[in-house]
Amino acid sequence: MEQDLLERFPPLPDRIGHVGGVESLTLDGRRYYFGFDFTSDLVVSPLIDDPRAMAAFASAYMRQRTGSHDAAHWDDLVALAVEGTALTGDDADRAVVSADLRGGLPASGSHLLYLLGAATGWEDWFDEAPEVRRACKRLGFDEDDPEFVDHCLDAVREHGTQARPDEWTVARFHLTAAVRHLPGNWDLLFAPLAEGLLNHR
């Protein structure tokens, strides 16, 4: 039975064996669970919509500080992930609606953008677009500082895309590129965000 559950959710490349716990969110009313390494701020599982499968996944591919544990141990942690979270102080942040993501700019400093970074390993994608790197430098941002995206979003939200073309170029490219590089099935959550950015004027 556990093997059947595991086959539905293959592990993420290079993220096996992390010490972590279980978190959850709802997307359009459906609950998804995921493994999270709190020390590294890193997502370590796909999005899993079955609590039994999440427990089986964690037993096979995750550890805790006390070592490996069976699925029965993880069952309790999966249940706790419904009740609360260690990642955000506002439980409403864990309820995501696809239509909202398509309809507007993501909020700077939001739990959603934090998860995007955690899912992609906090990478940047400037090598794919040198013109975006140049825009970032013109703005005086350190590309190694992940908060440059927040600053760009704030500027665009306040002044508009036409008034702040460099900020808009940087924010839109970085976020849409991050979505393209998501591991596993995390595009379930973030594909609507990319659609909204591409359609935003």
N, C-alpha and C. Protein backbone atom coordinates (compact mmCIF):
# COMPACT_ATOMS: atom_id res chain seq x y z
N MET A 1 0.82 -1.21 0.00
CA MET A 1 0.00 0.00 0.00
C MET A 1 0.86 1.27 0.00
N GLU A 2 1.89 1.31 0.90
CA GLU A 2 2.74 2.49 0.95
C GLU A 2 3.48 2.69 -0.38
N GLN A 3 3.90 1.58 -1.00
CA GLN A 3 4.61 1.71 -2.27
C GLN A 3 3.72 2.33 -3.34
N ASP A 4 2.44 1.96 -3.35
CA ASP A 4 1.51 2.56 -4.31
C ASP A 4 1.38 4.06 -4.07
N LEU A 5 1.33 4.46 -2.82
CA LEU A 5 1.24 5.89 -2.50
C LEU A 5 2.51 6.62 -2.94
N LEU A 6 3.66 5.99 -2.73
CA LEU A 6 4.92 6.63 -3.08
C LEU A 6 5.07 6.82 -4.58
N GLU A 7 4.54 5.90 -5.35
CA GLU A 7 4.67 6.00 -6.80
C GLU A 7 3.93 7.21 -7.36
N ARG A 8 2.92 7.68 -6.65
CA ARG A 8 2.17 8.86 -7.11
C ARG A 8 2.96 10.14 -6.94
N PHE A 9 3.92 10.14 -6.00
CA PHE A 9 4.63 11.38 -5.67
C PHE A 9 6.14 11.11 -5.58
N PRO A 10 6.82 11.11 -6.72
CA PRO A 10 8.27 10.89 -6.68
C PRO A 10 8.98 12.01 -5.96
N PRO A 11 10.13 11.73 -5.34
CA PRO A 11 10.86 12.77 -4.60
C PRO A 11 11.42 13.83 -5.53
N LEU A 12 11.70 14.99 -4.97
CA LEU A 12 12.32 16.06 -5.74
C LEU A 12 13.81 15.77 -5.91
N PRO A 13 14.36 16.06 -7.06
CA PRO A 13 15.80 15.81 -7.28
C PRO A 13 16.67 16.49 -6.23
N ASP A 14 17.62 15.75 -5.69
CA ASP A 14 18.61 16.28 -4.75
C ASP A 14 18.01 16.77 -3.43
N ARG A 15 16.79 16.32 -3.10
CA ARG A 15 16.19 16.78 -1.83
C ARG A 15 15.69 15.59 -1.01
N ILE A 16 16.44 14.52 -1.05
CA ILE A 16 16.11 13.33 -0.28
C ILE A 16 16.94 13.30 1.00
N GLY A 17 16.30 12.93 2.09
CA GLY A 17 17.02 12.76 3.34
C GLY A 17 17.12 13.99 4.21
N HIS A 18 16.41 15.06 3.85
CA HIS A 18 16.46 16.27 4.67
C HIS A 18 15.75 16.06 6.01
N VAL A 19 16.26 16.73 7.03
CA VAL A 19 15.58 16.82 8.32
C VAL A 19 14.53 17.91 8.20
N GLY A 20 13.29 17.58 8.52
CA GLY A 20 12.25 18.59 8.38
C GLY A 20 10.93 18.16 8.96
N GLY A 21 9.91 18.93 8.66
CA GLY A 21 8.56 18.66 9.13
C GLY A 21 7.58 18.78 7.99
N VAL A 22 6.29 18.81 8.33
CA VAL A 22 5.22 18.85 7.34
C VAL A 22 4.45 20.16 7.48
N GLU A 23 4.19 20.78 6.34
CA GLU A 23 3.38 21.99 6.28
C GLU A 23 2.20 21.72 5.33
N SER A 24 1.24 22.64 5.32
CA SER A 24 0.12 22.46 4.40
C SER A 24 -0.44 23.81 3.97
N LEU A 25 -1.19 23.78 2.90
CA LEU A 25 -1.92 24.95 2.40
C LEU A 25 -3.14 24.44 1.65
N THR A 26 -4.05 25.35 1.36
CA THR A 26 -5.17 24.98 0.50
C THR A 26 -5.08 25.79 -0.79
N LEU A 27 -5.35 25.14 -1.89
CA LEU A 27 -5.39 25.77 -3.20
C LEU A 27 -6.77 25.54 -3.77
N ASP A 28 -7.53 26.61 -3.94
CA ASP A 28 -8.91 26.52 -4.42
C ASP A 28 -9.73 25.55 -3.59
N GLY A 29 -9.49 25.58 -2.28
CA GLY A 29 -10.25 24.77 -1.34
C GLY A 29 -9.74 23.36 -1.12
N ARG A 30 -8.74 22.92 -1.87
CA ARG A 30 -8.19 21.58 -1.73
C ARG A 30 -6.89 21.65 -0.93
N ARG A 31 -6.76 20.78 0.08
CA ARG A 31 -5.57 20.84 0.93
C ARG A 31 -4.43 20.03 0.32
N TYR A 32 -3.25 20.65 0.37
CA TYR A 32 -2.02 20.02 -0.07
C TYR A 32 -1.01 20.08 1.08
N TYR A 33 -0.24 19.00 1.21
CA TYR A 33 0.81 18.91 2.21
C TYR A 33 2.16 18.95 1.50
N PHE A 34 3.19 19.35 2.25
CA PHE A 34 4.53 19.30 1.69
C PHE A 34 5.55 19.23 2.81
N GLY A 35 6.68 18.61 2.51
CA GLY A 35 7.78 18.55 3.46
C GLY A 35 8.59 19.83 3.41
N PHE A 36 9.12 20.23 4.57
CA PHE A 36 9.87 21.48 4.64
C PHE A 36 11.05 21.34 5.57
N ASP A 37 12.24 21.73 5.07
CA ASP A 37 13.45 21.78 5.87
C ASP A 37 13.56 23.20 6.43
N PHE A 38 13.28 23.36 7.71
CA PHE A 38 13.23 24.68 8.32
C PHE A 38 14.62 25.29 8.49
N THR A 39 15.64 24.46 8.60
CA THR A 39 17.00 24.97 8.73
C THR A 39 17.49 25.62 7.44
N SER A 40 17.12 25.01 6.32
CA SER A 40 17.57 25.50 5.01
C SER A 40 16.54 26.37 4.31
N ASP A 41 15.35 26.56 4.89
CA ASP A 41 14.26 27.28 4.22
C ASP A 41 14.01 26.67 2.85
N LEU A 42 13.81 25.36 2.82
CA LEU A 42 13.73 24.65 1.55
C LEU A 42 12.56 23.67 1.54
N VAL A 43 11.78 23.73 0.46
CA VAL A 43 10.74 22.74 0.21
C VAL A 43 11.41 21.42 -0.16
N VAL A 44 10.98 20.31 0.44
CA VAL A 44 11.66 19.03 0.18
C VAL A 44 10.70 17.93 -0.28
N SER A 45 9.54 18.32 -0.77
CA SER A 45 8.62 17.31 -1.33
C SER A 45 7.76 17.99 -2.39
N PRO A 46 7.13 17.18 -3.23
CA PRO A 46 6.08 17.77 -4.07
C PRO A 46 4.88 18.17 -3.23
N LEU A 47 3.92 18.83 -3.84
CA LEU A 47 2.63 19.06 -3.20
C LEU A 47 1.85 17.75 -3.20
N ILE A 48 1.35 17.35 -2.06
CA ILE A 48 0.71 16.03 -1.90
C ILE A 48 -0.68 16.25 -1.32
N ASP A 49 -1.70 15.78 -2.04
CA ASP A 49 -3.08 16.05 -1.63
C ASP A 49 -3.72 14.92 -0.84
N ASP A 50 -2.93 13.96 -0.39
CA ASP A 50 -3.43 12.81 0.35
C ASP A 50 -2.62 12.70 1.64
N PRO A 51 -3.25 12.80 2.81
CA PRO A 51 -2.47 12.75 4.06
C PRO A 51 -1.71 11.44 4.25
N ARG A 52 -2.30 10.32 3.81
CA ARG A 52 -1.59 9.04 3.93
C ARG A 52 -0.35 9.02 3.04
N ALA A 53 -0.49 9.59 1.86
CA ALA A 53 0.66 9.65 0.94
C ALA A 53 1.74 10.56 1.49
N MET A 54 1.35 11.67 2.15
CA MET A 54 2.34 12.55 2.74
C MET A 54 3.11 11.83 3.83
N ALA A 55 2.43 11.08 4.66
CA ALA A 55 3.10 10.34 5.73
C ALA A 55 4.03 9.28 5.15
N ALA A 56 3.60 8.60 4.10
CA ALA A 56 4.43 7.59 3.47
C ALA A 56 5.66 8.23 2.83
N PHE A 57 5.45 9.36 2.17
CA PHE A 57 6.56 10.08 1.54
C PHE A 57 7.59 10.48 2.59
N ALA A 58 7.13 11.09 3.67
CA ALA A 58 8.04 11.55 4.72
C ALA A 58 8.81 10.38 5.33
N SER A 59 8.14 9.26 5.53
CA SER A 59 8.80 8.10 6.09
C SER A 59 9.91 7.59 5.17
N ALA A 60 9.67 7.66 3.86
CA ALA A 60 10.64 7.15 2.90
C ALA A 60 11.77 8.12 2.61
N TYR A 61 11.47 9.43 2.60
CA TYR A 61 12.43 10.38 2.04
C TYR A 61 12.85 11.51 2.98
N MET A 62 12.26 11.57 4.16
CA MET A 62 12.60 12.64 5.10
C MET A 62 13.04 12.05 6.43
N ARG A 63 13.67 12.88 7.23
CA ARG A 63 14.07 12.47 8.58
C ARG A 63 13.68 13.57 9.56
N GLN A 64 13.78 13.26 10.83
CA GLN A 64 13.71 14.26 11.87
C GLN A 64 15.01 14.21 12.65
N ARG A 65 15.17 15.12 13.60
CA ARG A 65 16.43 15.15 14.33
C ARG A 65 16.70 13.84 15.05
N THR A 66 15.64 13.11 15.34
CA THR A 66 15.79 11.81 16.00
C THR A 66 15.97 10.67 15.01
N GLY A 67 16.08 10.98 13.73
CA GLY A 67 16.33 9.94 12.73
C GLY A 67 15.12 9.66 11.86
N SER A 68 15.13 8.50 11.24
CA SER A 68 14.02 8.07 10.39
C SER A 68 12.87 7.56 11.24
N HIS A 69 11.65 7.69 10.71
CA HIS A 69 10.47 7.22 11.44
C HIS A 69 9.50 6.59 10.46
N ASP A 70 8.62 5.75 11.00
CA ASP A 70 7.64 5.08 10.14
C ASP A 70 6.48 6.02 9.83
N ALA A 71 5.60 5.56 8.94
CA ALA A 71 4.49 6.41 8.50
C ALA A 71 3.55 6.75 9.65
N ALA A 72 3.41 5.84 10.62
CA ALA A 72 2.52 6.13 11.74
C ALA A 72 3.00 7.35 12.53
N HIS A 73 4.29 7.49 12.68
CA HIS A 73 4.84 8.68 13.35
C HIS A 73 4.50 9.94 12.56
N TRP A 74 4.68 9.88 11.26
CA TRP A 74 4.43 11.05 10.42
C TRP A 74 2.95 11.37 10.31
N ASP A 75 2.08 10.38 10.49
CA ASP A 75 0.64 10.64 10.47
C ASP A 75 0.27 11.77 11.44
N ASP A 76 0.85 11.74 12.63
CA ASP A 76 0.54 12.76 13.63
C ASP A 76 1.00 14.14 13.17
N LEU A 77 2.16 14.20 12.53
CA LEU A 77 2.69 15.48 12.07
C LEU A 77 1.88 16.02 10.89
N VAL A 78 1.38 15.12 10.07
CA VAL A 78 0.52 15.54 8.96
C VAL A 78 -0.76 16.17 9.51
N ALA A 79 -1.33 15.54 10.53
CA ALA A 79 -2.55 16.09 11.13
C ALA A 79 -2.29 17.46 11.74
N LEU A 80 -1.14 17.64 12.38
CA LEU A 80 -0.81 18.92 12.98
C LEU A 80 -0.62 20.01 11.93
N ALA A 81 -0.22 19.62 10.73
CA ALA A 81 -0.01 20.60 9.65
C ALA A 81 -1.32 21.23 9.18
N VAL A 82 -2.44 20.60 9.48
CA VAL A 82 -3.73 21.20 9.16
C VAL A 82 -4.06 22.29 10.18
N GLU A 83 -3.71 22.04 11.42
CA GLU A 83 -4.09 22.93 12.52
C GLU A 83 -3.25 24.20 12.57
N GLY A 84 -2.00 24.12 12.15
CA GLY A 84 -1.14 25.30 12.27
C GLY A 84 0.09 25.19 11.41
N THR A 85 0.91 26.24 11.44
CA THR A 85 2.11 26.32 10.61
C THR A 85 3.20 27.05 11.35
N ALA A 86 4.43 26.69 11.06
CA ALA A 86 5.57 27.40 11.61
C ALA A 86 6.13 28.42 10.62
N LEU A 87 5.52 28.56 9.46
CA LEU A 87 6.07 29.39 8.40
C LEU A 87 5.47 30.79 8.32
N THR A 88 4.26 30.98 8.80
CA THR A 88 3.63 32.30 8.70
C THR A 88 2.78 32.55 9.93
N GLY A 89 2.71 33.79 10.32
CA GLY A 89 1.92 34.14 11.50
C GLY A 89 0.44 34.30 11.21
N ASP A 90 0.08 34.34 9.93
CA ASP A 90 -1.32 34.54 9.55
C ASP A 90 -1.81 33.31 8.81
N ASP A 91 -2.71 32.56 9.44
CA ASP A 91 -3.18 31.32 8.83
C ASP A 91 -3.88 31.57 7.50
N ALA A 92 -4.42 32.77 7.30
CA ALA A 92 -5.08 33.08 6.03
C ALA A 92 -4.12 33.03 4.86
N ASP A 93 -2.80 33.19 5.12
CA ASP A 93 -1.81 33.12 4.06
C ASP A 93 -1.76 31.74 3.42
N ARG A 94 -2.27 30.75 4.14
CA ARG A 94 -2.19 29.38 3.62
C ARG A 94 -3.38 29.02 2.74
N ALA A 95 -4.30 29.93 2.53
CA ALA A 95 -5.46 29.68 1.67
C ALA A 95 -5.27 30.47 0.38
N VAL A 96 -5.02 29.76 -0.72
CA VAL A 96 -4.69 30.40 -2.00
C VAL A 96 -5.82 30.14 -2.99
N VAL A 97 -6.17 31.16 -3.75
CA VAL A 97 -7.20 31.06 -4.78
C VAL A 97 -6.55 31.39 -6.12
N SER A 98 -6.64 30.47 -7.08
CA SER A 98 -5.98 30.66 -8.37
C SER A 98 -6.41 31.94 -9.06
N ALA A 99 -7.71 32.24 -9.00
CA ALA A 99 -8.21 33.45 -9.68
C ALA A 99 -7.56 34.70 -9.11
N ASP A 100 -7.29 34.72 -7.81
CA ASP A 100 -6.62 35.88 -7.23
C ASP A 100 -5.20 36.03 -7.75
N LEU A 101 -4.52 34.91 -7.96
CA LEU A 101 -3.15 34.96 -8.46
C LEU A 101 -3.12 35.48 -9.90
N ARG A 102 -4.13 35.13 -10.66
CA ARG A 102 -4.18 35.59 -12.05
C ARG A 102 -4.60 37.06 -12.15
N GLY A 103 -5.22 37.57 -11.10
CA GLY A 103 -5.85 38.87 -11.20
C GLY A 103 -5.04 40.05 -10.75
N GLY A 104 -3.88 39.83 -10.12
CA GLY A 104 -3.14 40.98 -9.63
C GLY A 104 -1.70 40.64 -9.31
N LEU A 105 -0.93 41.65 -8.94
CA LEU A 105 0.46 41.43 -8.58
C LEU A 105 0.56 40.76 -7.22
N PRO A 106 1.52 39.85 -7.05
CA PRO A 106 1.70 39.25 -5.72
C PRO A 106 2.22 40.30 -4.74
N ALA A 107 1.85 40.15 -3.52
CA ALA A 107 2.28 41.11 -2.49
C ALA A 107 3.74 40.87 -2.13
N SER A 108 4.51 41.96 -2.08
CA SER A 108 5.91 41.82 -1.67
C SER A 108 5.97 41.31 -0.23
N GLY A 109 6.96 40.50 0.05
CA GLY A 109 7.13 39.96 1.39
C GLY A 109 6.08 38.94 1.79
N SER A 110 5.31 38.43 0.83
CA SER A 110 4.20 37.53 1.16
C SER A 110 4.68 36.10 1.40
N HIS A 111 3.85 35.35 2.09
CA HIS A 111 4.12 33.92 2.30
C HIS A 111 4.21 33.20 0.96
N LEU A 112 3.40 33.60 -0.01
CA LEU A 112 3.41 32.96 -1.32
C LEU A 112 4.78 33.12 -1.98
N LEU A 113 5.34 34.33 -1.97
CA LEU A 113 6.65 34.54 -2.59
C LEU A 113 7.75 33.84 -1.79
N TYR A 114 7.58 33.76 -0.49
CA TYR A 114 8.53 32.98 0.32
C TYR A 114 8.54 31.52 -0.13
N LEU A 115 7.37 30.95 -0.35
CA LEU A 115 7.30 29.56 -0.79
C LEU A 115 7.89 29.37 -2.18
N LEU A 116 7.71 30.37 -3.05
CA LEU A 116 8.32 30.28 -4.38
C LEU A 116 9.84 30.20 -4.26
N GLY A 117 10.41 31.03 -3.40
CA GLY A 117 11.85 30.95 -3.18
C GLY A 117 12.27 29.62 -2.57
N ALA A 118 11.50 29.14 -1.60
CA ALA A 118 11.83 27.89 -0.94
C ALA A 118 11.72 26.70 -1.88
N ALA A 119 10.79 26.76 -2.82
CA ALA A 119 10.62 25.67 -3.77
C ALA A 119 11.73 25.65 -4.81
N THR A 120 12.23 26.82 -5.19
CA THR A 120 13.26 26.89 -6.23
C THR A 120 14.68 26.96 -5.66
N GLY A 121 14.80 26.87 -4.36
CA GLY A 121 16.12 26.89 -3.75
C GLY A 121 16.76 28.26 -3.75
N TRP A 122 15.93 29.32 -3.84
CA TRP A 122 16.40 30.71 -3.76
C TRP A 122 17.40 31.03 -4.87
N GLU A 123 17.20 30.43 -6.02
CA GLU A 123 18.07 30.70 -7.17
C GLU A 123 17.67 32.02 -7.83
N ASP A 124 18.62 32.59 -8.58
CA ASP A 124 18.25 33.66 -9.50
C ASP A 124 18.50 33.17 -10.92
N TRP A 125 17.97 33.89 -11.88
CA TRP A 125 17.97 33.39 -13.26
C TRP A 125 18.59 34.39 -14.23
N PHE A 126 19.47 35.25 -13.71
CA PHE A 126 19.99 36.33 -14.54
C PHE A 126 20.82 35.83 -15.71
N ASP A 127 21.42 34.66 -15.59
CA ASP A 127 22.22 34.14 -16.71
C ASP A 127 21.36 33.89 -17.93
N GLU A 128 20.07 33.71 -17.74
CA GLU A 128 19.17 33.47 -18.86
C GLU A 128 18.78 34.76 -19.58
N ALA A 129 19.00 35.90 -18.94
CA ALA A 129 18.54 37.16 -19.52
C ALA A 129 19.48 38.29 -19.08
N PRO A 130 20.58 38.50 -19.80
CA PRO A 130 21.53 39.55 -19.40
C PRO A 130 20.91 40.93 -19.33
N GLU A 131 19.88 41.20 -20.16
CA GLU A 131 19.26 42.52 -20.13
C GLU A 131 18.55 42.77 -18.79
N VAL A 132 18.06 41.70 -18.18
CA VAL A 132 17.42 41.85 -16.87
C VAL A 132 18.48 42.09 -15.80
N ARG A 133 19.62 41.44 -15.91
CA ARG A 133 20.72 41.71 -14.98
C ARG A 133 21.14 43.18 -15.07
N ARG A 134 21.20 43.71 -16.29
CA ARG A 134 21.58 45.11 -16.47
C ARG A 134 20.54 46.05 -15.84
N ALA A 135 19.25 45.71 -15.99
CA ALA A 135 18.21 46.52 -15.36
C ALA A 135 18.36 46.50 -13.84
N CYS A 136 18.68 45.35 -13.30
CA CYS A 136 18.87 45.23 -11.84
C CYS A 136 20.04 46.10 -11.38
N LYS A 137 21.12 46.09 -12.17
CA LYS A 137 22.28 46.91 -11.80
C LYS A 137 21.96 48.40 -11.92
N ARG A 138 21.20 48.79 -12.94
CA ARG A 138 20.82 50.19 -13.07
C ARG A 138 20.04 50.67 -11.85
N LEU A 139 19.27 49.76 -11.28
CA LEU A 139 18.47 50.11 -10.11
C LEU A 139 19.30 50.12 -8.82
N GLY A 140 20.53 49.64 -8.91
CA GLY A 140 21.40 49.64 -7.74
C GLY A 140 21.16 48.48 -6.80
N PHE A 141 20.49 47.43 -7.27
CA PHE A 141 20.19 46.28 -6.40
C PHE A 141 21.33 45.26 -6.47
N ASP A 142 21.59 44.65 -5.35
CA ASP A 142 22.51 43.52 -5.28
C ASP A 142 21.73 42.27 -5.66
N GLU A 143 22.11 41.65 -6.76
CA GLU A 143 21.35 40.50 -7.23
C GLU A 143 21.43 39.30 -6.29
N ASP A 144 22.36 39.33 -5.34
CA ASP A 144 22.44 38.25 -4.35
C ASP A 144 21.47 38.46 -3.18
N ASP A 145 20.83 39.62 -3.16
CA ASP A 145 19.86 39.93 -2.11
C ASP A 145 18.46 39.58 -2.62
N PRO A 146 17.81 38.54 -2.08
CA PRO A 146 16.51 38.13 -2.61
C PRO A 146 15.42 39.18 -2.45
N GLU A 147 15.64 40.20 -1.63
CA GLU A 147 14.61 41.21 -1.42
C GLU A 147 14.50 42.20 -2.58
N PHE A 148 15.39 42.08 -3.59
CA PHE A 148 15.28 43.01 -4.71
C PHE A 148 13.94 42.86 -5.42
N VAL A 149 13.38 41.66 -5.42
CA VAL A 149 12.09 41.44 -6.06
C VAL A 149 11.00 42.20 -5.30
N ASP A 150 11.05 42.16 -3.98
CA ASP A 150 10.07 42.88 -3.17
C ASP A 150 10.13 44.38 -3.46
N HIS A 151 11.34 44.92 -3.54
CA HIS A 151 11.48 46.36 -3.82
C HIS A 151 10.90 46.70 -5.18
N CYS A 152 11.13 45.84 -6.17
CA CYS A 152 10.60 46.09 -7.51
C CYS A 152 9.08 46.03 -7.52
N LEU A 153 8.51 45.06 -6.85
CA LEU A 153 7.05 44.95 -6.80
C LEU A 153 6.43 46.15 -6.11
N ASP A 154 7.06 46.61 -5.03
CA ASP A 154 6.53 47.79 -4.33
C ASP A 154 6.53 49.01 -5.23
N ALA A 155 7.61 49.18 -5.99
CA ALA A 155 7.70 50.35 -6.88
C ALA A 155 6.64 50.29 -7.97
N VAL A 156 6.45 49.11 -8.54
CA VAL A 156 5.45 48.96 -9.61
C VAL A 156 4.05 49.16 -9.06
N ARG A 157 3.80 48.63 -7.88
CA ARG A 157 2.47 48.78 -7.28
C ARG A 157 2.16 50.25 -7.01
N GLU A 158 3.15 51.00 -6.59
CA GLU A 158 2.92 52.40 -6.25
C GLU A 158 2.87 53.31 -7.48
N HIS A 159 3.73 53.03 -8.47
CA HIS A 159 3.88 53.98 -9.58
C HIS A 159 3.39 53.44 -10.93
N GLY A 160 3.19 52.12 -11.03
CA GLY A 160 2.74 51.54 -12.30
C GLY A 160 3.89 51.03 -13.15
N THR A 161 3.58 50.14 -14.08
CA THR A 161 4.61 49.51 -14.91
C THR A 161 5.23 50.50 -15.88
N GLN A 162 4.46 51.45 -16.38
CA GLN A 162 4.99 52.40 -17.35
C GLN A 162 6.00 53.35 -16.70
N ALA A 163 5.72 53.75 -15.48
CA ALA A 163 6.62 54.68 -14.79
C ALA A 163 7.87 54.00 -14.26
N ARG A 164 7.80 52.70 -14.02
CA ARG A 164 8.93 51.96 -13.46
C ARG A 164 9.26 50.74 -14.33
N PRO A 165 9.71 50.98 -15.57
CA PRO A 165 9.93 49.85 -16.49
C PRO A 165 11.04 48.91 -16.05
N ASP A 166 12.12 49.43 -15.46
CA ASP A 166 13.19 48.53 -15.03
C ASP A 166 12.73 47.63 -13.89
N GLU A 167 12.03 48.22 -12.93
CA GLU A 167 11.52 47.41 -11.82
C GLU A 167 10.56 46.33 -12.32
N TRP A 168 9.72 46.70 -13.27
CA TRP A 168 8.77 45.74 -13.81
C TRP A 168 9.48 44.65 -14.59
N THR A 169 10.49 45.01 -15.37
CA THR A 169 11.28 44.02 -16.12
C THR A 169 11.91 43.01 -15.18
N VAL A 170 12.51 43.49 -14.11
CA VAL A 170 13.20 42.61 -13.16
C VAL A 170 12.20 41.71 -12.43
N ALA A 171 11.14 42.29 -11.89
CA ALA A 171 10.18 41.49 -11.10
C ALA A 171 9.48 40.46 -11.97
N ARG A 172 8.99 40.88 -13.12
CA ARG A 172 8.25 39.94 -13.97
C ARG A 172 9.15 38.81 -14.45
N PHE A 173 10.37 39.15 -14.90
CA PHE A 173 11.25 38.09 -15.37
C PHE A 173 11.61 37.12 -14.25
N HIS A 174 12.01 37.65 -13.11
CA HIS A 174 12.47 36.77 -12.03
C HIS A 174 11.35 35.81 -11.59
N LEU A 175 10.16 36.32 -11.42
CA LEU A 175 9.08 35.48 -10.92
C LEU A 175 8.61 34.47 -11.97
N THR A 176 8.49 34.88 -13.22
CA THR A 176 8.06 33.93 -14.25
C THR A 176 9.14 32.89 -14.50
N ALA A 177 10.43 33.29 -14.44
CA ALA A 177 11.51 32.32 -14.60
C ALA A 177 11.51 31.32 -13.44
N ALA A 178 11.27 31.81 -12.23
CA ALA A 178 11.21 30.91 -11.08
C ALA A 178 10.13 29.86 -11.27
N VAL A 179 8.98 30.27 -11.79
CA VAL A 179 7.89 29.32 -12.03
C VAL A 179 8.31 28.26 -13.06
N ARG A 180 9.04 28.67 -14.08
CA ARG A 180 9.50 27.71 -15.09
C ARG A 180 10.45 26.67 -14.51
N HIS A 181 11.15 27.03 -13.44
CA HIS A 181 12.16 26.15 -12.86
C HIS A 181 11.66 25.40 -11.62
N LEU A 182 10.39 25.45 -11.35
CA LEU A 182 9.87 24.79 -10.16
C LEU A 182 10.07 23.27 -10.24
N PRO A 183 10.39 22.65 -9.12
CA PRO A 183 10.54 21.19 -9.10
C PRO A 183 9.20 20.49 -8.91
N GLY A 184 9.14 19.26 -9.34
CA GLY A 184 7.95 18.44 -9.10
C GLY A 184 6.69 19.10 -9.64
N ASN A 185 5.65 19.04 -8.84
CA ASN A 185 4.34 19.57 -9.27
C ASN A 185 4.01 20.92 -8.65
N TRP A 186 5.03 21.68 -8.24
CA TRP A 186 4.77 22.97 -7.60
C TRP A 186 4.16 23.99 -8.55
N ASP A 187 4.16 23.69 -9.85
CA ASP A 187 3.47 24.60 -10.78
C ASP A 187 1.96 24.58 -10.56
N LEU A 188 1.45 23.56 -9.87
CA LEU A 188 0.02 23.58 -9.51
C LEU A 188 -0.32 24.86 -8.76
N LEU A 189 0.58 25.28 -7.89
CA LEU A 189 0.34 26.47 -7.09
C LEU A 189 0.70 27.74 -7.84
N PHE A 190 1.83 27.71 -8.57
CA PHE A 190 2.39 28.96 -9.06
C PHE A 190 2.12 29.27 -10.53
N ALA A 191 1.63 28.31 -11.32
CA ALA A 191 1.34 28.62 -12.73
C ALA A 191 0.34 29.77 -12.87
N PRO A 192 -0.72 29.85 -12.06
CA PRO A 192 -1.62 31.00 -12.18
C PRO A 192 -0.94 32.34 -11.89
N LEU A 193 0.05 32.33 -10.99
CA LEU A 193 0.81 33.55 -10.72
C LEU A 193 1.57 34.00 -11.96
N ALA A 194 2.21 33.05 -12.65
CA ALA A 194 2.95 33.38 -13.88
C ALA A 194 2.01 33.91 -14.94
N GLU A 195 0.83 33.31 -15.05
CA GLU A 195 -0.16 33.81 -16.04
C GLU A 195 -0.53 35.25 -15.74
N GLY A 196 -0.77 35.55 -14.47
CA GLY A 196 -1.16 36.90 -14.10
C GLY A 196 -0.06 37.92 -14.40
N LEU A 197 1.20 37.53 -14.16
CA LEU A 197 2.30 38.45 -14.44
C LEU A 197 2.45 38.71 -15.92
N LEU A 198 2.30 37.67 -16.73
CA LEU A 198 2.46 37.83 -18.17
C LEU A 198 1.33 38.69 -18.76
N ASN A 199 0.17 38.63 -18.15
CA ASN A 199 -0.96 39.39 -18.66
C ASN A 199 -1.09 40.79 -18.08
N HIS A 200 -0.28 41.07 -17.05
CA HIS A 200 -0.40 42.36 -16.37
C HIS A 200 0.18 43.48 -17.23
N ARG A 201 -0.48 44.60 -17.26
CA ARG A 201 -0.01 45.77 -18.01
C ARG A 201 0.10 46.97 -17.08
